[in-house]
Structure formats: C-alpha cells, structure tokens
Amino acid sequence: MSNEWIWLSPPHMSGGELNYIREAFTDNQVAPVGRHIDRFEQELAEYTGIAHAAALSSGTAALHLALILCGVEEGDDVLCPSFTFAATANPIRYQKATPVFVDSENETWNMSPEWLEFAIQDRINKGGRPKAVIPVHSFGVPAKMKEITDIARRYELTVIEDAAGAMGSFYHEKHTGSFGDFTVLSFNGNKIITTSGGGALLSDDESKIEQARYLATQARDPVPYYRHSEIGYNYRMSNVLAGVGRGQLEVIDERINQRREHFKQYRLNLESLPGISFPDEPEAAFCNRWLTTMLVNPENSGGVTREETRLKLDSEKIEARPFWNPLHLQPVFRSFPWYGDGVCETLYEQGLCLPSGSGMPEPDRNRVISSIQEAFWK
C-alpha cells in the first residue's frame, strides 16, 4: 500500500497560472485592481454566457452581495435547501433574514420544487415575507431550474443560483447560473478550478454587477476624496489571484473531462456491489462531476454502512467525506422553519463523496476502488 494520502479534491495547477502571476508582479499590480481582474471577469462571462461578472474574495461574499442587491433585510424569508454547505445559509443571517429550509428531491438531490412551493405558501399564510430563493446545484448536478424559476416568478421572488460547485455544468445547453437573477461561483481550493480562495457574482443586469463592485470595495463614492454613503465590504478579489483564475479557466474543459472519467470508472467498477448506487445524469443536463458521489444503503449491502466504508478508506489513507449534514439539523439553524419529508436526511446517512481530483492518477483511483471492494467482501 502506498504511504501517500489520496485527497478528496486537491487543487490542480496547469503551470500556465505562473505566467499571469509573473506578469502581475512585473507590473506591480498585486492589489485588487489590474488587467487580470478585468480579463478574468470578461472570460467568466464569456464561458458561462452570463453577461457580467464581479470577481470577489469568496462565493460566500458573492451570496451576501446578491442578497443585499435584491433588498433582503431583517424579517424577510429566504428559501434555500437544507442539503447544502452552511455557506449557503450564513449570508441570510448576515442580513438578519430568516432562512427557510427546503428538502431535496430524489432525482438530482437538489431543492424539491414541490416542497419549495408548499413552503412559500405556508410562510405567506403565516405572515412571512418570502423575498428570495437560493437553489443549489449540489456536487455540480443541475437543479430543476425550470420548475424552480416558474415558482419563484409566480411569487415574485429573486432567484440566486448557488453554482459554487457547478462551474462547467449545463442544463438545457445553458450554463448553470444563467436561469435566475444572480449566479454565484466559488473558486475555493477544492473546486473544479481555483484561485486559492475566491468567488464571483454574475448577472445579466450590468447595473447590479457595477453595484456589487462598488459595495465590494468598501462602498467608496466616486469622488476625489474619501466619502461613503452606505456600508461597504472588503470583498474584491486581488489581481494576482485573478491571474491564477485565468490560467485555471484555460484548462477547465480538460479538468471536467478528467473528473467525469473518474465518475465513469467508479460507477463501472462499484455499482455492481450490493447496496451501492450512483446518481444518473438528469435529462437535458451535463454534469461537471465535481465530486463523485455514491449511496450505501445498509438494507441492501449486507449491513455495510456509509460510515464503515469511509473508515475503511481512511485506514488506508484515502480521504472520503460524508454528504452534508442537513442544515435544519445543525445547532445554529434548528430554530428556523423546515419543510420536507426527510429525503436529505437519508442522503446524509447513506452518502459518500469519493476522491475526485482531476490530477488523481489511475493507480490511485484503482486503490480507492479496491479498498471499497474489500469493505464489501469482508
């Protein structure tokens, strides 16, 4: 057995990033201004088909600004999935608004349109003020955006697509994030492409993105002295990190193909094991397969559980992670409304993310496969 750890989704540099970094240093453009940040924003817009982009310090910052720009404030309701990372819901609380958690549906594991509409109606009946909805494209699998946006339009809600892990995923030949009013991307170290840390907010509304840039640079008014008419934030991406992003964006299609190949081989070699299942690619969807995910159902696996499988991998220096523990069960969010019948709880109990890094060599992937097979042949 190799003594080296196999990590879940480590960064994968192409080498081309160094050219842009050197250029930023040579030109002394290492602040949150410079040609790389301008070009990175343009290239993101071109790649996604969304007209305008603001490069920011994180996907969380992008979510926060989107909520501000659509007028979310204290007392408003913002609907979001329970099955997501806490960063989706935290900015709702930054605005002192109420997160309303919605269950998943079984096909894509994303926000259930049926439970979404039920939650909206119930909150209105109880005197709530639904203001926005944040669908998440979990693990790079597109959510049912046609149904979700139809519901949101019916109730006049702003749609903020959390596509943090869905860069390069498409639905009905449109990039994820191009169905709502705003889209949020993340370039955290474990994503398809990374800027070390960083994110972006995109929209077809140029005025909204201009306002986002203004707020992200401490809301400094455009006058030749320091004047601030509203509260601002230090959310802008640096020109150096934007250079990293430009180099990463050049190889994104290759990275997606590599991750899709991992998914293909995992499924080919493991789906025949009792109790193991992998998610299908939804109709009209193209998934970037940011993370390969599988379910381990102990009722069909001879008693083998997700946790036993994870611990087996861990014992052999292979990092695998359980799915997100639903937010409505988290101590910090337990007091907020929740609508569903427990699909996301089952996903958490049975779900495991496998090593999916685009730079993972075939022998390492085979090591992961063998370790899982051994767990089921014990």
Protein backbone atom coordinates (compact mmCIF):
# COMPACT_ATOMS: atom_id res chain seq x y z
CA MET A 1 0.00 0.00 0.00
CA SER A 2 1.23 3.49 -0.84
CA ASN A 3 2.17 5.72 2.09
CA GLU A 4 0.77 8.79 0.32
CA TRP A 5 -2.68 10.13 1.12
CA ILE A 6 -5.26 10.33 -1.65
CA TRP A 7 -7.17 13.56 -1.03
CA LEU A 8 -10.79 14.29 -1.87
CA SER A 9 -10.36 17.17 -4.33
CA PRO A 10 -6.99 18.94 -4.16
CA PRO A 11 -6.05 21.90 -6.37
CA HIS A 12 -4.68 21.02 -9.80
CA MET A 13 -2.39 23.63 -11.30
CA SER A 14 -1.62 23.63 -15.03
CA GLY A 15 1.59 25.67 -14.86
CA GLY A 16 0.13 28.39 -17.06
CA GLU A 17 -1.01 30.28 -13.98
CA LEU A 18 2.61 31.29 -13.29
CA ASN A 19 2.74 33.39 -16.45
CA TYR A 20 -0.10 35.58 -15.23
CA ILE A 21 1.30 35.75 -11.69
CA ARG A 22 4.70 36.88 -13.00
CA GLU A 23 3.01 39.49 -15.13
CA ALA A 24 1.15 40.85 -12.11
CA PHE A 25 4.41 41.05 -10.15
CA THR A 26 6.32 42.62 -13.04
CA ASP A 27 3.67 45.29 -13.46
CA ASN A 28 3.30 45.67 -9.66
CA GLN A 29 -0.44 45.02 -10.00
CA VAL A 30 -0.88 42.96 -6.85
CA ALA A 31 -3.80 44.94 -5.38
CA PRO A 32 -7.50 44.34 -6.12
CA VAL A 33 -7.10 46.22 -9.41
CA GLY A 34 -5.37 45.36 -12.64
CA ARG A 35 -5.81 43.85 -16.07
CA HIS A 36 -6.11 40.27 -14.80
CA ILE A 37 -9.19 41.01 -12.73
CA ASP A 38 -10.81 42.77 -15.69
CA ARG A 39 -9.95 39.95 -18.10
CA PHE A 40 -10.94 37.21 -15.65
CA GLU A 41 -14.37 38.80 -15.29
CA GLN A 42 -14.75 39.03 -19.06
CA GLU A 43 -13.62 35.43 -19.54
CA LEU A 44 -16.04 34.17 -16.87
CA ALA A 45 -18.88 35.98 -18.63
CA GLU A 46 -17.87 34.51 -21.99
CA TYR A 47 -17.59 30.98 -20.61
CA THR A 48 -20.89 30.98 -18.75
CA GLY A 49 -22.91 33.04 -21.22
CA ILE A 50 -23.91 35.39 -18.39
CA ALA A 51 -23.30 38.98 -19.43
CA HIS A 52 -21.44 40.46 -16.45
CA ALA A 53 -19.22 39.21 -13.61
CA ALA A 54 -17.60 40.61 -10.48
CA ALA A 55 -14.58 38.70 -9.15
CA LEU A 56 -14.74 38.53 -5.37
CA SER A 57 -12.94 37.13 -2.35
CA SER A 58 -15.26 34.12 -1.96
CA GLY A 59 -18.51 32.55 -3.06
CA THR A 60 -19.92 33.47 0.34
CA ALA A 61 -19.17 37.13 -0.35
CA ALA A 62 -20.98 36.79 -3.67
CA LEU A 63 -24.05 35.33 -1.96
CA HIS A 64 -24.02 38.11 0.61
CA LEU A 65 -23.85 40.83 -2.04
CA ALA A 66 -26.63 39.17 -4.07
CA LEU A 67 -28.90 39.25 -1.01
CA ILE A 68 -28.10 42.93 -0.44
CA LEU A 69 -28.72 43.77 -4.09
CA CYS A 70 -32.14 42.15 -4.10
CA GLY A 71 -33.13 44.03 -0.95
CA VAL A 72 -33.20 41.22 1.61
CA GLU A 73 -33.39 42.62 5.12
CA GLU A 74 -34.45 41.74 8.65
CA GLY A 75 -37.81 39.99 8.73
CA ASP A 76 -37.65 38.66 5.16
CA ASP A 77 -37.70 34.94 4.33
CA VAL A 78 -35.07 33.42 2.06
CA LEU A 79 -35.72 29.85 0.93
CA CYS A 80 -32.75 27.55 0.47
CA PRO A 81 -32.05 23.82 0.52
CA SER A 82 -31.34 22.09 3.78
CA PHE A 83 -29.00 19.80 1.85
CA THR A 84 -26.09 22.18 1.28
CA PHE A 85 -22.98 23.58 2.92
CA ALA A 86 -23.55 26.15 5.67
CA ALA A 87 -22.08 28.92 3.47
CA THR A 88 -25.36 28.97 1.52
CA ALA A 89 -27.37 29.94 4.59
CA ASN A 90 -24.89 32.02 6.61
CA PRO A 91 -25.26 35.18 4.46
CA ILE A 92 -29.03 35.06 5.05
CA ARG A 93 -28.31 35.55 8.72
CA TYR A 94 -25.75 38.30 7.93
CA GLN A 95 -28.81 40.23 6.71
CA LYS A 96 -30.81 39.19 9.80
CA ALA A 97 -33.30 37.49 7.48
CA THR A 98 -34.92 34.11 8.11
CA PRO A 99 -33.57 31.03 6.33
CA VAL A 100 -36.41 28.70 5.36
CA PHE A 101 -35.06 25.21 4.69
CA VAL A 102 -36.49 23.06 1.90
CA ASP A 103 -36.00 19.31 1.40
CA SER A 104 -34.37 17.63 -1.61
CA GLU A 105 -35.98 15.59 -4.36
CA ASN A 106 -34.70 12.11 -5.21
CA GLU A 107 -33.58 12.54 -8.81
CA THR A 108 -30.97 15.32 -8.55
CA TRP A 109 -30.76 15.57 -4.73
CA ASN A 110 -31.35 19.31 -5.11
CA MET A 111 -34.17 21.54 -3.86
CA SER A 112 -37.60 19.97 -4.31
CA PRO A 113 -39.88 22.24 -6.36
CA GLU A 114 -42.93 20.71 -4.66
CA TRP A 115 -41.67 21.42 -1.16
CA LEU A 116 -40.48 24.86 -2.28
CA GLU A 117 -43.96 25.94 -3.34
CA PHE A 118 -45.51 24.41 -0.24
CA ALA A 119 -43.04 26.34 1.95
CA ILE A 120 -43.71 29.64 0.18
CA GLN A 121 -47.46 29.29 0.55
CA ASP A 122 -47.20 28.28 4.19
CA ARG A 123 -44.90 31.17 5.05
CA ILE A 124 -47.26 33.64 3.36
CA ASN A 125 -50.22 32.15 5.24
CA LYS A 126 -48.30 32.58 8.49
CA GLY A 127 -47.48 36.22 7.78
CA GLY A 128 -43.96 35.62 6.47
CA ARG A 129 -42.30 37.69 3.77
CA PRO A 130 -40.64 35.40 1.19
CA LYS A 131 -38.15 37.55 -0.72
CA ALA A 132 -35.66 35.27 -2.47
CA VAL A 133 -34.84 31.64 -3.21
CA ILE A 134 -31.34 30.13 -3.39
CA PRO A 135 -31.29 26.85 -5.32
CA VAL A 136 -28.00 24.94 -5.12
CA HIS A 137 -26.55 22.75 -7.87
CA SER A 138 -25.20 20.14 -5.45
CA PHE A 139 -21.96 18.40 -6.44
CA GLY A 140 -22.24 20.03 -9.87
CA VAL A 141 -25.59 18.41 -10.73
CA PRO A 142 -28.06 20.99 -12.09
CA ALA A 143 -31.20 21.57 -10.04
CA LYS A 144 -34.65 21.55 -11.65
CA MET A 145 -34.37 25.19 -12.61
CA LYS A 146 -37.37 25.41 -14.93
CA GLU A 147 -39.74 24.35 -12.17
CA ILE A 148 -37.95 26.41 -9.51
CA THR A 149 -37.85 29.62 -11.56
CA ASP A 150 -41.51 29.20 -12.59
CA ILE A 151 -42.47 29.02 -8.92
CA ALA A 152 -40.24 31.96 -7.99
CA ARG A 153 -41.70 34.15 -10.74
CA ARG A 154 -45.21 33.26 -9.66
CA TYR A 155 -44.49 34.60 -6.17
CA GLU A 156 -42.19 37.45 -7.36
CA LEU A 157 -39.07 36.07 -5.65
CA THR A 158 -35.49 36.82 -6.70
CA VAL A 159 -33.58 33.69 -7.77
CA ILE A 160 -29.94 33.47 -6.65
CA GLU A 161 -28.33 30.34 -8.08
CA ASP A 162 -25.64 28.87 -5.85
CA ALA A 163 -23.48 27.27 -8.53
CA ALA A 164 -20.42 27.19 -6.25
CA GLY A 165 -19.51 23.66 -7.32
CA ALA A 166 -21.17 23.70 -10.74
CA MET A 167 -18.71 25.60 -12.92
CA GLY A 168 -18.93 23.92 -16.33
CA SER A 169 -22.25 22.18 -15.73
CA PHE A 170 -25.05 22.83 -18.22
CA TYR A 171 -28.82 22.40 -18.23
CA HIS A 172 -30.76 22.54 -21.50
CA GLU A 173 -27.49 23.76 -23.06
CA LYS A 174 -27.30 26.77 -20.75
CA HIS A 175 -24.66 27.17 -18.07
CA THR A 176 -25.86 26.63 -14.53
CA GLY A 177 -26.47 30.05 -13.05
CA SER A 178 -27.99 31.53 -16.18
CA PHE A 179 -31.59 30.75 -15.20
CA GLY A 180 -32.06 33.13 -12.29
CA ASP A 181 -31.32 36.75 -11.47
CA PHE A 182 -27.86 36.13 -9.99
CA THR A 183 -25.36 33.30 -10.03
CA VAL A 184 -22.65 32.59 -7.50
CA LEU A 185 -19.41 30.75 -8.29
CA SER A 186 -16.71 29.55 -5.92
CA PHE A 187 -13.01 29.15 -6.67
CA ASN A 188 -12.12 27.60 -3.33
CA GLY A 189 -9.19 25.19 -3.30
CA ASN A 190 -11.35 22.08 -3.76
CA LYS A 191 -13.39 23.29 -6.75
CA ILE A 192 -13.09 22.43 -10.46
CA ILE A 193 -10.89 25.49 -10.90
CA THR A 194 -9.41 27.50 -8.06
CA THR A 195 -7.92 30.89 -7.32
CA SER A 196 -6.74 29.62 -3.93
CA GLY A 197 -9.69 31.43 -2.38
CA GLY A 198 -12.22 33.41 -4.33
CA GLY A 199 -15.59 33.56 -5.99
CA ALA A 200 -17.68 35.55 -8.42
CA LEU A 201 -21.12 37.09 -8.74
CA LEU A 202 -22.67 37.11 -12.21
CA SER A 203 -25.81 38.62 -13.71
CA ASP A 204 -27.20 39.83 -17.00
CA ASP A 205 -28.04 43.09 -15.21
CA GLU A 206 -24.97 45.31 -15.65
CA SER A 207 -26.13 47.85 -13.07
CA LYS A 208 -26.33 45.14 -10.40
CA ILE A 209 -22.79 43.95 -11.05
CA GLU A 210 -21.50 47.53 -11.03
CA GLN A 211 -23.20 47.99 -7.68
CA ALA A 212 -21.64 44.73 -6.44
CA ARG A 213 -18.15 46.00 -7.33
CA TYR A 214 -18.88 49.27 -5.54
CA LEU A 215 -20.05 47.51 -2.36
CA ALA A 216 -17.14 45.06 -2.55
CA THR A 217 -14.60 47.92 -2.43
CA GLN A 218 -15.85 49.46 0.82
CA ALA A 219 -18.59 51.43 -0.98
CA ARG A 220 -16.27 54.30 -1.64
CA ASP A 221 -18.11 57.01 -3.55
CA PRO A 222 -16.61 58.07 -6.93
CA VAL A 223 -15.29 61.40 -5.73
CA PRO A 224 -11.66 62.60 -5.31
CA TYR A 225 -11.80 62.30 -1.52
CA TYR A 226 -12.99 59.67 0.97
CA ARG A 227 -16.77 59.65 1.15
CA HIS A 228 -19.01 56.71 1.98
CA SER A 229 -22.79 56.93 1.57
CA GLU A 230 -23.53 53.35 2.57
CA ILE A 231 -21.92 50.39 4.31
CA GLY A 232 -19.37 48.58 2.16
CA TYR A 233 -17.28 45.41 2.35
CA ASN A 234 -13.74 44.30 1.61
CA TYR A 235 -14.84 41.61 -0.85
CA ARG A 236 -12.83 42.25 -4.02
CA MET A 237 -10.50 39.60 -5.49
CA SER A 238 -6.84 40.54 -5.91
CA ASN A 239 -5.29 40.90 -9.35
CA VAL A 240 -2.78 38.14 -8.50
CA LEU A 241 -5.49 35.60 -7.71
CA ALA A 242 -7.42 36.65 -10.79
CA GLY A 243 -4.30 35.72 -12.76
CA VAL A 244 -4.41 32.26 -11.19
CA GLY A 245 -8.06 32.05 -12.21
CA ARG A 246 -7.25 32.96 -15.81
CA GLY A 247 -4.71 30.15 -16.03
CA GLN A 248 -7.18 27.71 -14.49
CA LEU A 249 -10.00 28.76 -16.80
CA GLU A 250 -7.84 27.88 -19.80
CA VAL A 251 -7.91 24.19 -18.79
CA ILE A 252 -11.40 23.89 -17.30
CA ASP A 253 -12.77 21.62 -20.05
CA GLU A 254 -9.86 19.22 -19.56
CA ARG A 255 -10.44 19.24 -15.80
CA ILE A 256 -14.12 18.44 -16.26
CA ASN A 257 -13.32 15.56 -18.62
CA GLN A 258 -10.89 14.13 -16.07
CA ARG A 259 -13.46 14.28 -13.29
CA ARG A 260 -16.16 12.77 -15.48
CA GLU A 261 -13.79 9.91 -16.27
CA HIS A 262 -13.31 9.28 -12.54
CA PHE A 263 -17.08 9.10 -12.11
CA LYS A 264 -17.38 6.72 -15.06
CA GLN A 265 -14.75 4.33 -13.73
CA TYR A 266 -16.03 4.37 -10.15
CA ARG A 267 -19.52 3.56 -11.36
CA LEU A 268 -18.32 0.87 -13.78
CA ASN A 269 -16.35 -0.93 -11.07
CA LEU A 270 -18.50 -0.41 -7.98
CA GLU A 271 -22.17 -0.21 -8.92
CA SER A 272 -22.48 -4.00 -9.02
CA LEU A 273 -21.71 -4.17 -5.29
CA PRO A 274 -24.85 -4.75 -3.21
CA GLY A 275 -26.34 -1.57 -1.78
CA ILE A 276 -24.19 0.85 -3.78
CA SER A 277 -25.77 3.29 -6.24
CA PHE A 278 -24.59 6.29 -8.23
CA PRO A 279 -26.68 9.24 -9.43
CA ASP A 280 -27.72 9.29 -13.07
CA GLU A 281 -27.13 12.35 -15.20
CA PRO A 282 -30.52 14.10 -15.31
CA GLU A 283 -32.26 14.51 -18.64
CA ALA A 284 -31.01 17.55 -20.59
CA ALA A 285 -28.15 18.02 -18.11
CA PHE A 286 -24.38 17.93 -18.41
CA CYS A 287 -22.72 17.46 -15.01
CA ASN A 288 -19.16 18.51 -14.32
CA ARG A 289 -18.93 15.67 -11.75
CA TRP A 290 -17.01 17.97 -9.44
CA LEU A 291 -17.27 15.22 -6.84
CA THR A 292 -18.12 11.59 -7.49
CA THR A 293 -20.85 10.68 -5.04
CA MET A 294 -22.48 7.38 -4.16
CA LEU A 295 -25.05 6.00 -1.76
CA VAL A 296 -24.50 3.00 0.51
CA ASN A 297 -27.84 1.51 1.56
CA PRO A 298 -27.24 -0.86 4.51
CA GLU A 299 -30.58 -2.60 3.91
CA ASN A 300 -29.20 -3.96 0.63
CA SER A 301 -25.48 -4.09 1.35
CA GLY A 302 -25.46 -6.89 3.89
CA GLY A 303 -25.22 -4.33 6.67
CA VAL A 304 -22.23 -2.38 5.35
CA THR A 305 -22.79 1.31 6.09
CA ARG A 306 -21.53 4.53 4.64
CA GLU A 307 -19.51 5.17 7.78
CA GLU A 308 -17.86 1.76 7.74
CA THR A 309 -16.90 2.37 4.14
CA ARG A 310 -15.47 5.78 4.97
CA LEU A 311 -13.46 4.42 7.90
CA LYS A 312 -12.08 1.62 5.73
CA LEU A 313 -10.87 4.21 3.23
CA ASP A 314 -9.46 6.39 6.00
CA SER A 315 -7.48 3.46 7.39
CA GLU A 316 -5.77 3.20 4.01
CA LYS A 317 -5.02 6.93 3.78
CA ILE A 318 -7.87 7.72 1.41
CA GLU A 319 -9.95 10.79 2.15
CA ALA A 320 -13.68 10.40 1.61
CA ARG A 321 -16.39 12.55 3.17
CA PRO A 322 -20.00 12.08 4.19
CA PHE A 323 -22.57 14.28 2.49
CA TRP A 324 -23.65 17.47 4.20
CA ASN A 325 -25.48 17.07 7.47
CA PRO A 326 -28.80 18.86 6.67
CA LEU A 327 -28.84 22.44 7.86
CA HIS A 328 -32.19 22.14 9.63
CA LEU A 329 -30.47 19.66 11.98
CA GLN A 330 -27.49 21.93 12.70
CA PRO A 331 -27.47 23.56 16.16
CA VAL A 332 -27.14 27.07 14.72
CA PHE A 333 -30.18 26.67 12.43
CA ARG A 334 -32.56 24.39 14.37
CA SER A 335 -34.90 27.21 15.32
CA PHE A 336 -35.69 28.13 11.71
CA PRO A 337 -38.51 26.76 9.51
CA TRP A 338 -38.04 23.47 7.69
CA TYR A 339 -40.23 21.81 5.06
CA GLY A 340 -39.80 18.25 3.85
CA ASP A 341 -40.15 14.56 4.50
CA GLY A 342 -36.55 13.62 5.18
CA VAL A 343 -35.01 12.91 1.78
CA CYS A 344 -31.95 14.98 2.68
CA GLU A 345 -31.59 13.12 5.97
CA THR A 346 -31.42 9.80 4.11
CA LEU A 347 -28.87 11.29 1.72
CA TYR A 348 -26.71 12.27 4.68
CA GLU A 349 -26.98 8.83 6.28
CA GLN A 350 -26.07 6.96 3.09
CA GLY A 351 -23.99 9.41 1.02
CA LEU A 352 -20.24 9.37 0.50
CA CYS A 353 -18.02 11.63 -1.63
CA LEU A 354 -15.08 9.81 -3.21
CA PRO A 355 -11.67 11.21 -4.22
CA SER A 356 -12.32 13.13 -7.42
CA GLY A 357 -9.34 15.39 -8.04
CA SER A 358 -8.65 15.97 -11.71
CA GLY A 359 -4.96 15.27 -11.11
CA MET A 360 -5.54 11.86 -9.49
CA PRO A 361 -3.64 9.19 -11.45
CA GLU A 362 -5.27 5.92 -12.46
CA PRO A 363 -3.32 3.80 -9.90
CA ASP A 364 -4.68 5.96 -7.08
CA ARG A 365 -8.22 5.64 -8.39
CA ASN A 366 -7.76 1.87 -8.60
CA ARG A 367 -6.57 1.91 -5.00
CA VAL A 368 -9.81 3.64 -3.95
CA ILE A 369 -11.89 1.11 -5.91
CA SER A 370 -10.05 -1.86 -4.40
CA SER A 371 -10.45 -0.53 -0.89
CA ILE A 372 -14.22 -0.15 -1.32
CA GLN A 373 -14.50 -3.61 -2.83
CA GLU A 374 -12.66 -5.04 0.17
CA ALA A 375 -15.10 -3.30 2.52
CA PHE A 376 -17.96 -5.18 0.87
CA TRP A 377 -16.13 -8.52 0.70
CA LYS A 378 -15.14 -8.55 4.36
